PDB file of N, CA and C in Angstrom:
ATOM      1  N   MET A   1       0.843  -1.170   0.000  1.00  0.00           N
ATOM      2  CA  MET A   1       0.000   0.000   0.000  1.00  0.00           C
ATOM      3  C   MET A   1       0.892   1.237   0.000  1.00  0.00           C
ATOM      4  N   SER A   2       0.554   2.201  -0.830  1.00  0.00           N
ATOM      5  CA  SER A   2       1.379   3.413  -0.928  1.00  0.00           C
ATOM      6  C   SER A   2       1.122   4.310   0.280  1.00  0.00           C
ATOM      7  N   GLY A   3       2.016   5.268   0.455  1.00  0.00           N
ATOM      8  CA  GLY A   3       1.892   6.211   1.562  1.00  0.00           C
ATOM      9  C   GLY A   3       0.613   7.035   1.459  1.00  0.00           C
ATOM     10  N   LEU A   4       0.234   7.390   0.223  1.00  0.00           N
ATOM     11  CA  LEU A   4      -0.974   8.181   0.005  1.00  0.00           C
ATOM     12  C   LEU A   4      -2.217   7.387   0.402  1.00  0.00           C
ATOM     13  N   GLN A   5      -2.262   6.101   0.002  1.00  0.00           N
ATOM     14  CA  GLN A   5      -3.407   5.263   0.346  1.00  0.00           C
ATOM     15  C   GLN A   5      -3.501   5.090   1.867  1.00  0.00           C
ATOM     16  N   SER A   6      -2.343   4.891   2.499  1.00  0.00           N
ATOM     17  CA  SER A   6      -2.316   4.724   3.951  1.00  0.00           C
ATOM     18  C   SER A   6      -2.810   5.984   4.650  1.00  0.00           C
ATOM     19  N   GLU A   7      -2.340   7.141   4.149  1.00  0.00           N
ATOM     20  CA  GLU A   7      -2.750   8.411   4.733  1.00  0.00           C
ATOM     21  C   GLU A   7      -4.250   8.636   4.521  1.00  0.00           C
ATOM     22  N   TYR A   8      -4.751   8.292   3.338  1.00  0.00           N
ATOM     23  CA  TYR A   8      -6.176   8.435   3.038  1.00  0.00           C
ATOM     24  C   TYR A   8      -6.994   7.550   3.972  1.00  0.00           C
ATOM     25  N   GLY A   9      -6.524   6.335   4.194  1.00  0.00           N
ATOM     26  CA  GLY A   9      -7.225   5.407   5.082  1.00  0.00           C
ATOM     27  C   GLY A   9      -7.289   5.945   6.504  1.00  0.00           C
ATOM     28  N   ALA A  10      -6.205   6.528   6.976  1.00  0.00           N
ATOM     29  CA  ALA A  10      -6.175   7.079   8.331  1.00  0.00           C
ATOM     30  C   ALA A  10      -7.131   8.263   8.455  1.00  0.00           C
ATOM     31  N   CYS A  11      -7.173   9.120   7.428  1.00  0.00           N
ATOM     32  CA  CYS A  11      -8.087  10.272   7.455  1.00  0.00           C
ATOM     33  C   CYS A  11      -9.538   9.791   7.460  1.00  0.00           C
ATOM     34  N   ARG A  12      -9.816   8.785   6.629  1.00  0.00           N
ATOM     35  CA  ARG A  12     -11.178   8.250   6.549  1.00  0.00           C
ATOM     36  C   ARG A  12     -11.610   7.668   7.895  1.00  0.00           C
ATOM     37  N   GLU A  13     -10.708   6.918   8.550  1.00  0.00           N
ATOM     38  CA  GLU A  13     -11.025   6.345   9.855  1.00  0.00           C
ATOM     39  C   GLU A  13     -11.274   7.437  10.886  1.00  0.00           C
ATOM     40  N   ALA A  14     -10.497   8.511  10.830  1.00  0.00           N
ATOM     41  CA  ALA A  14     -10.662   9.612  11.777  1.00  0.00           C
ATOM     42  C   ALA A  14     -12.021  10.281  11.575  1.00  0.00           C
ATOM     43  N   ARG A  15     -12.428  10.454  10.301  1.00  0.00           N
ATOM     44  CA  ARG A  15     -13.729  11.072  10.030  1.00  0.00           C
ATOM     45  C   ARG A  15     -14.855  10.184  10.542  1.00  0.00           C
ATOM     46  N   ILE A  16     -14.761   8.877  10.334  1.00  0.00           N
ATOM     47  CA  ILE A  16     -15.790   7.951  10.798  1.00  0.00           C
ATOM     48  C   ILE A  16     -15.876   7.990  12.318  1.00  0.00           C
ATOM     49  N   GLU A  17     -14.725   8.004  13.006  1.00  0.00           N
ATOM     50  CA  GLU A  17     -14.734   8.073  14.469  1.00  0.00           C
ATOM     51  C   GLU A  17     -15.349   9.391  14.936  1.00  0.00           C
ATOM     52  N   ALA A  18     -15.034  10.492  14.240  1.00  0.00           N
ATOM     53  CA  ALA A  18     -15.579  11.792  14.618  1.00  0.00           C
ATOM     54  C   ALA A  18     -17.086  11.799  14.440  1.00  0.00           C
ATOM     55  N   ARG A  19     -17.578  11.209  13.348  1.00  0.00           N
ATOM     56  CA  ARG A  19     -19.025  11.136  13.139  1.00  0.00           C
ATOM     57  C   ARG A  19     -19.677  10.282  14.217  1.00  0.00           C
ATOM     58  N   ALA A  20     -19.054   9.183  14.568  1.00  0.00           N
ATOM     59  CA  ALA A  20     -19.609   8.297  15.592  1.00  0.00           C
ATOM     60  C   ALA A  20     -19.684   9.032  16.931  1.00  0.00           C
ATOM     61  N   ASP A  21     -18.629   9.793  17.263  1.00  0.00           N
ATOM     62  CA  ASP A  21     -18.647  10.565  18.510  1.00  0.00           C
ATOM     63  C   ASP A  21     -19.769  11.595  18.481  1.00  0.00           C
ATOM     64  N   LYS A  22     -19.927  12.273  17.352  1.00  0.00           N
ATOM     65  CA  LYS A  22     -20.966  13.284  17.221  1.00  0.00           C
ATOM     66  C   LYS A  22     -22.340  12.640  17.354  1.00  0.00           C
ATOM     67  N   PHE A  23     -22.533  11.491  16.724  1.00  0.00           N
ATOM     68  CA  PHE A  23     -23.827  10.801  16.782  1.00  0.00           C
ATOM     69  C   PHE A  23     -24.150  10.384  18.212  1.00  0.00           C
ATOM     70  N   ASN A  24     -23.186   9.816  18.907  1.00  0.00           N
ATOM     71  CA  ASN A  24     -23.429   9.391  20.280  1.00  0.00           C
ATOM     72  C   ASN A  24     -23.761  10.580  21.173  1.00  0.00           C
ATOM     73  N   TYR A  25     -23.085  11.691  20.951  1.00  0.00           N
ATOM     74  CA  TYR A  25     -23.353  12.867  21.769  1.00  0.00           C
ATOM     75  C   TYR A  25     -24.753  13.401  21.511  1.00  0.00           C
ATOM     76  N   SER A  26     -25.144  13.493  20.242  1.00  0.00           N
ATOM     77  CA  SER A  26     -26.446  14.068  19.934  1.00  0.00           C
ATOM     78  C   SER A  26     -27.578  13.101  20.253  1.00  0.00           C
ATOM     79  N   GLU A  27     -27.257  11.821  20.362  1.00  0.00           N
ATOM     80  CA  GLU A  27     -28.302  10.833  20.630  1.00  0.00           C
ATOM     81  C   GLU A  27     -28.792  10.906  22.068  1.00  0.00           C
ATOM     82  N   THR A  28     -27.889  10.920  23.012  1.00  0.00           N
ATOM     83  CA  THR A  28     -28.294  10.962  24.415  1.00  0.00           C
ATOM     84  C   THR A  28     -27.221  11.633  25.251  1.00  0.00           C
ATOM     85  N   LEU A  29     -27.644  12.328  26.286  1.00  0.00           N
ATOM     86  CA  LEU A  29     -26.698  12.970  27.193  1.00  0.00           C
ATOM     87  C   LEU A  29     -26.451  12.116  28.414  1.00  0.00           C
ATOM     88  N   GLY A  30     -27.165  11.017  28.531  1.00  0.00           N
ATOM     89  CA  GLY A  30     -26.959  10.119  29.653  1.00  0.00           C
ATOM     90  C   GLY A  30     -28.258   9.711  30.303  1.00  0.00           C
ATOM     91  N   TYR A  31     -28.142   8.759  31.199  1.00  0.00           N
ATOM     92  CA  TYR A  31     -29.305   8.231  31.903  1.00  0.00           C
ATOM     93  C   TYR A  31     -29.191   8.585  33.374  1.00  0.00           C
ATOM     94  N   SER A  32     -30.250   9.081  33.938  1.00  0.00           N
ATOM     95  CA  SER A  32     -30.259   9.455  35.349  1.00  0.00           C
ATOM     96  C   SER A  32     -31.046   8.426  36.144  1.00  0.00           C
ATOM     97  N   GLU A  33     -30.357   7.653  36.984  1.00  0.00           N
ATOM     98  CA  GLU A  33     -31.019   6.661  37.836  1.00  0.00           C
ATOM     99  C   GLU A  33     -31.998   7.362  38.787  1.00  0.00           C
ATOM    100  N   GLU A  34     -31.577   8.514  39.283  1.00  0.00           N
ATOM    101  CA  GLU A  34     -32.383   9.260  40.248  1.00  0.00           C
ATOM    102  C   GLU A  34     -33.742   9.645  39.656  1.00  0.00           C
ATOM    103  N   ARG A  35     -33.743  10.163  38.421  1.00  0.00           N
ATOM    104  CA  ARG A  35     -34.991  10.586  37.787  1.00  0.00           C
ATOM    105  C   ARG A  35     -35.650   9.463  37.012  1.00  0.00           C
ATOM    106  N   GLY A  36     -34.890   8.404  36.704  1.00  0.00           N
ATOM    107  CA  GLY A  36     -35.439   7.288  35.941  1.00  0.00           C
ATOM    108  C   GLY A  36     -35.695   7.639  34.491  1.00  0.00           C
ATOM    109  N   MET A  37     -34.879   8.518  33.924  1.00  0.00           N
ATOM    110  CA  MET A  37     -35.080   8.900  32.530  1.00  0.00           C
ATOM    111  C   MET A  37     -33.766   9.297  31.872  1.00  0.00           C
ATOM    112  N   ALA A  38     -33.760   9.252  30.549  1.00  0.00           N
ATOM    113  CA  ALA A  38     -32.592   9.649  29.773  1.00  0.00           C
ATOM    114  C   ALA A  38     -32.795  11.063  29.246  1.00  0.00           C
ATOM    115  N   ASP A  39     -31.702  11.775  29.038  1.00  0.00           N
ATOM    116  CA  ASP A  39     -31.740  13.102  28.434  1.00  0.00           C
ATOM    117  C   ASP A  39     -31.330  12.973  26.979  1.00  0.00           C
ATOM    118  N   TYR A  40     -32.122  13.510  26.067  1.00  0.00           N
ATOM    119  CA  TYR A  40     -31.824  13.470  24.644  1.00  0.00           C
ATOM    120  C   TYR A  40     -31.692  14.888  24.117  1.00  0.00           C
ATOM    121  N   VAL A  41     -30.861  15.060  23.117  1.00  0.00           N
ATOM    122  CA  VAL A  41     -30.732  16.348  22.447  1.00  0.00           C
ATOM    123  C   VAL A  41     -31.703  16.351  21.276  1.00  0.00           C
ATOM    124  N   VAL A  42     -32.589  17.331  21.242  1.00  0.00           N
ATOM    125  CA  VAL A  42     -33.561  17.496  20.165  1.00  0.00           C
ATOM    126  C   VAL A  42     -33.273  18.841  19.525  1.00  0.00           C
ATOM    127  N   LYS A  43     -33.074  18.853  18.221  1.00  0.00           N
ATOM    128  CA  LYS A  43     -32.747  20.102  17.531  1.00  0.00           C
ATOM    129  C   LYS A  43     -33.999  20.701  16.905  1.00  0.00           C
ATOM    130  N   VAL A  44     -33.998  22.034  16.783  1.00  0.00           N
ATOM    131  CA  VAL A  44     -35.096  22.749  16.154  1.00  0.00           C
ATOM    132  C   VAL A  44     -34.639  23.203  14.775  1.00  0.00           C
ATOM    133  N   GLY A  45     -35.441  22.886  13.747  1.00  0.00           N
ATOM    134  CA  GLY A  45     -35.118  23.266  12.372  1.00  0.00           C
ATOM    135  C   GLY A  45     -35.540  24.697  12.064  1.00  0.00           C
ATOM    136  N   LYS A  46     -35.270  25.132  10.834  1.00  0.00           N
ATOM    137  CA  LYS A  46     -35.571  26.502  10.416  1.00  0.00           C
ATOM    138  C   LYS A  46     -37.054  26.834  10.518  1.00  0.00           C
ATOM    139  N   ARG A  47     -37.899  25.866  10.253  1.00  0.00           N
ATOM    140  CA  ARG A  47     -39.347  26.093  10.293  1.00  0.00           C
ATOM    141  C   ARG A  47     -39.972  25.645  11.612  1.00  0.00           C
ATOM    142  N   GLY A  48     -39.149  25.383  12.602  1.00  0.00           N
ATOM    143  CA  GLY A  48     -39.655  24.993  13.909  1.00  0.00           C
ATOM    144  C   GLY A  48     -39.833  23.492  14.083  1.00  0.00           C
ATOM    145  N   GLU A  49     -39.390  22.694  13.105  1.00  0.00           N
ATOM    146  CA  GLU A  49     -39.500  21.243  13.228  1.00  0.00           C
ATOM    147  C   GLU A  49     -38.586  20.764  14.343  1.00  0.00           C
ATOM    148  N   LEU A  50     -39.021  19.742  15.058  1.00  0.00           N
ATOM    149  CA  LEU A  50     -38.182  19.148  16.091  1.00  0.00           C
ATOM    150  C   LEU A  50     -37.558  17.884  15.534  1.00  0.00           C
ATOM    151  N   TYR A  51     -36.238  17.799  15.595  1.00  0.00           N
ATOM    152  CA  TYR A  51     -35.515  16.632  15.101  1.00  0.00           C
ATOM    153  C   TYR A  51     -35.103  15.777  16.289  1.00  0.00           C
ATOM    154  N   THR A  52     -35.689  14.592  16.375  1.00  0.00           N
ATOM    155  CA  THR A  52     -35.424  13.699  17.500  1.00  0.00           C
ATOM    156  C   THR A  52     -34.446  12.610  17.090  1.00  0.00           C
ATOM    157  N   PRO A  53     -33.622  12.148  18.023  1.00  0.00           N
ATOM    158  CA  PRO A  53     -32.684  11.071  17.717  1.00  0.00           C
ATOM    159  C   PRO A  53     -33.435   9.766  17.405  1.00  0.00           C
ATOM    160  N   LYS A  54     -32.855   8.965  16.540  1.00  0.00           N
ATOM    161  CA  LYS A  54     -33.468   7.702  16.126  1.00  0.00           C
ATOM    162  C   LYS A  54     -33.740   6.800  17.329  1.00  0.00           C
ATOM    163  N   LYS A  55     -32.810   6.752  18.269  1.00  0.00           N
ATOM    164  CA  LYS A  55     -32.962   5.896  19.449  1.00  0.00           C
ATOM    165  C   LYS A  55     -34.234   6.272  20.220  1.00  0.00           C
ATOM    166  N   LEU A  56     -34.497   7.560  20.351  1.00  0.00           N
ATOM    167  CA  LEU A  56     -35.693   8.040  21.044  1.00  0.00           C
ATOM    168  C   LEU A  56     -36.955   7.642  20.278  1.00  0.00           C
ATOM    169  N   ARG A  57     -36.939   7.826  18.951  1.00  0.00           N
ATOM    170  CA  ARG A  57     -38.109   7.465  18.129  1.00  0.00           C
ATOM    171  C   ARG A  57     -38.408   5.976  18.227  1.00  0.00           C
ATOM    172  N   LEU A  58     -37.370   5.148  18.192  1.00  0.00           N
ATOM    173  CA  LEU A  58     -37.566   3.704  18.292  1.00  0.00           C
ATOM    174  C   LEU A  58     -38.068   3.302  19.673  1.00  0.00           C
ATOM    175  N   GLU A  59     -37.515   3.911  20.696  1.00  0.00           N
ATOM    176  CA  GLU A  59     -37.881   3.576  22.076  1.00  0.00           C
ATOM    177  C   GLU A  59     -39.362   3.841  22.351  1.00  0.00           C
ATOM    178  N   PHE A  60     -39.895   4.913  21.766  1.00  0.00           N
ATOM    179  CA  PHE A  60     -41.281   5.285  22.029  1.00  0.00           C
ATOM    180  C   PHE A  60     -42.224   4.988  20.865  1.00  0.00           C
ATOM    181  N   GLY A  61     -41.719   4.361  19.831  1.00  0.00           N
ATOM    182  CA  GLY A  61     -42.573   4.002  18.696  1.00  0.00           C
ATOM    183  C   GLY A  61     -43.131   5.213  17.975  1.00  0.00           C
ATOM    184  N   LEU A  62     -42.308   6.242  17.816  1.00  0.00           N
ATOM    185  CA  LEU A  62     -42.764   7.465  17.156  1.00  0.00           C
ATOM    186  C   LEU A  62     -42.693   7.303  15.645  1.00  0.00           C
ATOM    187  N   ALA A  63     -43.708   7.792  14.964  1.00  0.00           N
ATOM    188  CA  ALA A  63     -43.762   7.697  13.507  1.00  0.00           C
ATOM    189  C   ALA A  63     -44.053   9.080  12.922  1.00  0.00           C
ATOM    190  N   THR A  64     -43.794   9.231  11.643  1.00  0.00           N
ATOM    191  CA  THR A  64     -44.070  10.479  10.948  1.00  0.00           C
ATOM    192  C   THR A  64     -45.544  10.839  11.118  1.00  0.00           C
ATOM    193  N   GLY A  65     -45.807  12.077  11.500  1.00  0.00           N
ATOM    194  CA  GLY A  65     -47.187  12.534  11.654  1.00  0.00           C
ATOM    195  C   GLY A  65     -47.740  12.404  13.064  1.00  0.00           C
ATOM    196  N   ASP A  66     -47.020  11.726  13.965  1.00  0.00           N
ATOM    197  CA  ASP A  66     -47.489  11.627  15.349  1.00  0.00           C
ATOM    198  C   ASP A  66     -47.572  13.031  15.940  1.00  0.00           C
ATOM    199  N   GLU A  67     -48.564  13.239  16.801  1.00  0.00           N
ATOM    200  CA  GLU A  67     -48.751  14.547  17.418  1.00  0.00           C
ATOM    201  C   GLU A  67     -48.417  14.494  18.898  1.00  0.00           C
ATOM    202  N   PHE A  68     -48.002  15.656  19.434  1.00  0.00           N
ATOM    203  CA  PHE A  68     -47.625  15.777  20.827  1.00  0.00           C
ATOM    204  C   PHE A  68     -48.383  16.917  21.475  1.00  0.00           C
ATOM    205  N   VAL A  69     -48.527  16.825  22.778  1.00  0.00           N
ATOM    206  CA  VAL A  69     -49.051  17.923  23.577  1.00  0.00           C
ATOM    207  C   VAL A  69     -47.850  18.456  24.349  1.00  0.00           C
ATOM    208  N   ALA A  70     -47.605  19.764  24.249  1.00  0.00           N
ATOM    209  CA  ALA A  70     -46.484  20.384  24.954  1.00  0.00           C
ATOM    210  C   ALA A  70     -46.996  20.970  26.263  1.00  0.00           C
ATOM    211  N   VAL A  71     -46.397  20.536  27.368  1.00  0.00           N
ATOM    212  CA  VAL A  71     -46.765  21.022  28.691  1.00  0.00           C
ATOM    213  C   VAL A  71     -45.580  21.823  29.221  1.00  0.00           C
ATOM    214  N   VAL A  72     -45.837  23.042  29.631  1.00  0.00           N
ATOM    215  CA  VAL A  72     -44.776  23.902  30.152  1.00  0.00           C
ATOM    216  C   VAL A  72     -44.842  23.874  31.676  1.00  0.00           C
ATOM    217  N   GLU A  73     -43.734  23.470  32.284  1.00  0.00           N
ATOM    218  CA  GLU A  73     -43.605  23.455  33.744  1.00  0.00           C
ATOM    219  C   GLU A  73     -42.360  24.247  34.107  1.00  0.00           C
ATOM    220  N   GLY A  74     -42.551  25.475  34.536  1.00  0.00           N
ATOM    221  CA  GLY A  74     -41.413  26.341  34.839  1.00  0.00           C
ATOM    222  C   GLY A  74     -40.614  26.598  33.575  1.00  0.00           C
ATOM    223  N   GLU A  75     -39.337  26.205  33.588  1.00  0.00           N
ATOM    224  CA  GLU A  75     -38.490  26.376  32.411  1.00  0.00           C
ATOM    225  C   GLU A  75     -38.411  25.104  31.569  1.00  0.00           C
ATOM    226  N   ALA A  76     -39.190  24.088  31.937  1.00  0.00           N
ATOM    227  CA  ALA A  76     -39.152  22.812  31.216  1.00  0.00           C
ATOM    228  C   ALA A  76     -40.332  22.694  30.253  1.00  0.00           C
ATOM    229  N   ILE A  77     -40.072  22.070  29.128  1.00  0.00           N
ATOM    230  CA  ILE A  77     -41.123  21.744  28.167  1.00  0.00           C
ATOM    231  C   ILE A  77     -41.211  20.223  28.125  1.00  0.00           C
ATOM    232  N   ILE A  78     -42.366  19.700  28.448  1.00  0.00           N
ATOM    233  CA  ILE A  78     -42.563  18.251  28.444  1.00  0.00           C
ATOM    234  C   ILE A  78     -43.456  17.902  27.264  1.00  0.00           C
ATOM    235  N   LEU A  79     -42.961  17.006  26.410  1.00  0.00           N
ATOM    236  CA  LEU A  79     -43.742  16.563  25.249  1.00  0.00           C
ATOM    237  C   LEU A  79     -44.391  15.231  25.579  1.00  0.00           C
ATOM    238  N   ARG A  80     -45.697  15.176  25.455  1.00  0.00           N
ATOM    239  CA  ARG A  80     -46.439  13.932  25.682  1.00  0.00           C
ATOM    240  C   ARG A  80     -47.112  13.544  24.381  1.00  0.00           C
ATOM    241  N   LYS A  81     -46.952  12.276  24.005  1.00  0.00           N
ATOM    242  CA  LYS A  81     -47.558  11.796  22.772  1.00  0.00           C
ATOM    243  C   LYS A  81     -49.071  11.899  22.894  1.00  0.00           C
ATOM    244  N   ARG A  82     -49.701  12.503  21.897  1.00  0.00           N
ATOM    245  CA  ARG A  82     -51.154  12.658  21.897  1.00  0.00           C
ATOM    246  C   ARG A  82     -51.793  11.337  21.518  1.00  0.00           C
ATOM    247  N   LYS A  83     -52.767  10.920  22.299  1.00  0.00           N
ATOM    248  CA  LYS A  83     -53.436   9.651  22.029  1.00  0.00           C
ATOM    249  C   LYS A  83     -54.367   9.783  20.830  1.00  0.00           C
ATOM    250  N   THR A  84     -54.338   8.762  19.997  1.00  0.00           N
ATOM    251  CA  THR A  84     -55.264   8.705  18.871  1.00  0.00           C
ATOM    252  C   THR A  84     -56.452   7.836  19.289  1.00  0.00           C
ATOM    253  N   ILE A  85     -57.464   7.805  18.459  1.00  0.00           N
ATOM    254  CA  ILE A  85     -58.631   6.947  18.742  1.00  0.00           C
ATOM    255  C   ILE A  85     -58.184   5.498  18.843  1.00  0.00           C
ATOM    256  N   LEU A  86     -57.262   5.090  17.985  1.00  0.00           N
ATOM    257  CA  LEU A  86     -56.783   3.705  18.030  1.00  0.00           C
ATOM    258  C   LEU A  86     -56.090   3.406  19.358  1.00  0.00           C
ATOM    259  N   ASP A  87     -55.308   4.364  19.872  1.00  0.00           N
ATOM    260  CA  ASP A  87     -54.646   4.182  21.166  1.00  0.00           C
ATOM    261  C   ASP A  87     -55.678   3.970  22.272  1.00  0.00           C
ATOM    262  N   VAL A  88     -56.729   4.781  22.251  1.00  0.00           N
ATOM    263  CA  VAL A  88     -57.761   4.688  23.281  1.00  0.00           C
ATOM    264  C   VAL A  88     -58.508   3.359  23.168  1.00  0.00           C
ATOM    265  N   LEU A  89     -58.819   2.934  21.940  1.00  0.00           N
ATOM    266  CA  LEU A  89     -59.540   1.675  21.745  1.00  0.00           C
ATOM    267  C   LEU A  89     -58.717   0.463  22.169  1.00  0.00           C
ATOM    268  N   GLU A  90     -57.400   0.573  22.070  1.00  0.00           N
ATOM    269  CA  GLU A  90     -56.533  -0.541  22.454  1.00  0.00           C
ATOM    270  C   GLU A  90     -56.321  -0.637  23.967  1.00  0.00           C
ATOM    271  N   GLU A  91     -56.670   0.430  24.700  1.00  0.00           N
ATOM    272  CA  GLU A  91     -56.514   0.413  26.150  1.00  0.00           C
ATOM    273  C   GLU A  91     -57.541  -0.517  26.784  1.00  0.00           C
ATOM    274  N   GLU A  92     -57.213  -0.969  27.974  1.00  0.00           N
ATOM    275  CA  GLU A  92     -58.128  -1.833  28.704  1.00  0.00           C
ATOM    276  C   GLU A  92     -59.355  -1.028  29.136  1.00  0.00           C
ATOM    277  N   ALA A  93     -60.528  -1.641  29.047  1.00  0.00           N
ATOM    278  CA  ALA A  93     -61.778  -0.970  29.395  1.00  0.00           C
ATOM    279  C   ALA A  93     -61.805  -0.616  30.882  1.00  0.00           C
ATOM    280  N   LEU A  94     -62.327   0.565  31.190  1.00  0.00           N
ATOM    281  CA  LEU A  94     -62.452   0.996  32.584  1.00  0.00           C
ATOM    282  C   LEU A  94     -63.682   0.374  33.238  1.00  0.00           C
ATOM    283  N   ALA A  95     -64.714   0.117  32.444  1.00  0.00           N
ATOM    284  CA  ALA A  95     -65.946  -0.472  32.969  1.00  0.00           C
ATOM    285  C   ALA A  95     -66.613  -1.264  31.851  1.00  0.00           C
ATOM    286  N   THR A  96     -67.471  -2.186  32.243  1.00  0.00           N
ATOM    287  CA  THR A  96     -68.240  -2.943  31.252  1.00  0.00           C
ATOM    288  C   THR A  96     -69.715  -2.718  31.510  1.00  0.00           C
ATOM    289  N   VAL A  97     -70.476  -2.700  30.436  1.00  0.00           N
ATOM    290  CA  VAL A  97     -71.919  -2.478  30.518  1.00  0.00           C
ATOM    291  C   VAL A  97     -72.597  -3.608  29.762  1.00  0.00           C
ATOM    292  N   SER A  98     -73.596  -4.212  30.406  1.00  0.00           N
ATOM    293  CA  SER A  98     -74.321  -5.311  29.752  1.00  0.00           C
ATOM    294  C   SER A  98     -75.363  -4.746  28.791  1.00  0.00           C
ATOM    295  N   ASP A  99     -75.882  -5.585  27.923  1.00  0.00           N
ATOM    296  CA  ASP A  99     -76.925  -5.174  26.979  1.00  0.00           C
ATOM    297  C   ASP A  99     -78.171  -4.701  27.724  1.00  0.00           C
ATOM    298  N   VAL A 100     -78.507  -5.382  28.793  1.00  0.00           N
ATOM    299  CA  VAL A 100     -79.694  -5.025  29.584  1.00  0.00           C
ATOM    300  C   VAL A 100     -79.526  -3.628  30.182  1.00  0.00           C
ATOM    301  N   GLU A 101     -78.353  -3.350  30.770  1.00  0.00           N
ATOM    302  CA  GLU A 101     -78.097  -2.035  31.353  1.00  0.00           C
ATOM    303  C   GLU A 101     -78.148  -0.945  30.294  1.00  0.00           C
ATOM    304  N   LEU A 102     -77.626  -1.245  29.133  1.00  0.00           N
ATOM    305  CA  LEU A 102     -77.622  -0.283  28.035  1.00  0.00           C
ATOM    306  C   LEU A 102     -79.044   0.034  27.585  1.00  0.00           C
ATOM    307  N   LYS A 103     -79.884  -0.982  27.449  1.00  0.00           N
ATOM    308  CA  LYS A 103     -81.285  -0.776  27.045  1.00  0.00           C
ATOM    309  C   LYS A 103     -82.045   0.024  28.098  1.00  0.00           C
ATOM    310  N   GLU A 104     -81.809  -0.277  29.385  1.00  0.00           N
ATOM    311  CA  GLU A 104     -82.476   0.458  30.468  1.00  0.00           C
ATOM    312  C   GLU A 104     -82.086   1.933  30.430  1.00  0.00           C
ATOM    313  N   GLU A 105     -80.818   2.205  30.261  1.00  0.00           N
ATOM    314  CA  GLU A 105     -80.325   3.588  30.211  1.00  0.00           C
ATOM    315  C   GLU A 105     -80.902   4.323  29.012  1.00  0.00           C
ATOM    316  N   ARG A 106     -80.991   3.621  27.892  1.00  0.00           N
ATOM    317  CA  ARG A 106     -81.546   4.231  26.681  1.00  0.00           C
ATOM    318  C   ARG A 106     -83.013   4.593  26.883  1.00  0.00           C
ATOM    319  N   SER A 107     -83.782   3.714  27.494  1.00  0.00           N
ATOM    320  CA  SER A 107     -85.200   4.008  27.708  1.00  0.00           C
ATOM    321  C   SER A 107     -85.371   5.175  28.681  1.00  0.00           C
ATOM    322  N   LEU A 108     -84.536   5.259  29.710  1.00  0.00           N
ATOM    323  CA  LEU A 108     -84.596   6.402  30.633  1.00  0.00           C
ATOM    324  C   LEU A 108     -84.301   7.714  29.906  1.00  0.00           C
ATOM    325  N   LEU A 109     -83.318   7.700  29.038  1.00  0.00           N
ATOM    326  CA  LEU A 109     -82.970   8.911  28.282  1.00  0.00           C
ATOM    327  C   LEU A 109     -84.087   9.296  27.312  1.00  0.00           C
ATOM    328  N   GLU A 110     -84.705   8.300  26.681  1.00  0.00           N
ATOM    329  CA  GLU A 110     -85.820   8.584  25.765  1.00  0.00           C
ATOM    330  C   GLU A 110     -86.976   9.223  26.513  1.00  0.00           C
ATOM    331  N   LYS A 111     -87.317   8.688  27.716  1.00  0.00           N
ATOM    332  CA  LYS A 111     -88.386   9.266  28.523  1.00  0.00           C
ATOM    333  C   LYS A 111     -88.062  10.692  28.905  1.00  0.00           C
ATOM    334  N   GLU A 112     -86.812  10.942  29.272  1.00  0.00           N
ATOM    335  CA  GLU A 112     -86.387  12.289  29.663  1.00  0.00           C
ATOM    336  C   GLU A 112     -86.528  13.263  28.502  1.00  0.00           C
ATOM    337  N   LEU A 113     -86.185  12.825  27.302  1.00  0.00           N
ATOM    338  CA  LEU A 113     -86.296  13.677  26.122  1.00  0.00           C
ATOM    339  C   LEU A 113     -87.767  13.982  25.793  1.00  0.00           C
ATOM    340  N   VAL A 114     -88.643  13.007  25.950  1.00  0.00           N
ATOM    341  CA  VAL A 114     -90.064  13.204  25.653  1.00  0.00           C
ATOM    342  C   VAL A 114     -90.674  14.198  26.640  1.00  0.00           C
ATOM    343  N   GLU A 115     -90.256  14.144  27.891  1.00  0.00           N
ATOM    344  CA  GLU A 115     -90.795  15.043  28.911  1.00  0.00           C
ATOM    345  C   GLU A 115     -90.379  16.481  28.690  1.00  0.00           C
ATOM    346  N   ARG A 116     -89.305  16.740  28.007  1.00  0.00           N
ATOM    347  CA  ARG A 116     -88.855  18.129  27.761  1.00  0.00           C
ATOM    348  C   ARG A 116     -89.766  18.737  26.779  1.00  0.00           C
TER     349      ARG A 116
END
């Protein structure tokens, strides 16, 4: 291998290592046992887009078009994934209602409407 090829290889390896260091830094700032959460760096684009690290998107199952609710607490901004109808339907039911109970409730509501 010539000196030029060797030098090129060393430069290429240095660039790859530098990119890897940059990626690791921007991906997470660390995990806090005390708080039970990781800190991630999220960048803001020119039009206000939030760029999240891939690790964060995979961890929370985030997809293009997902919506968030921003909650401001002091100087902190907390992003909570907004539930869709599908999310709510997939949750465990809080209560169950039988057909008989449903029919009884419906008849009571009908009577109430007629009396108005």
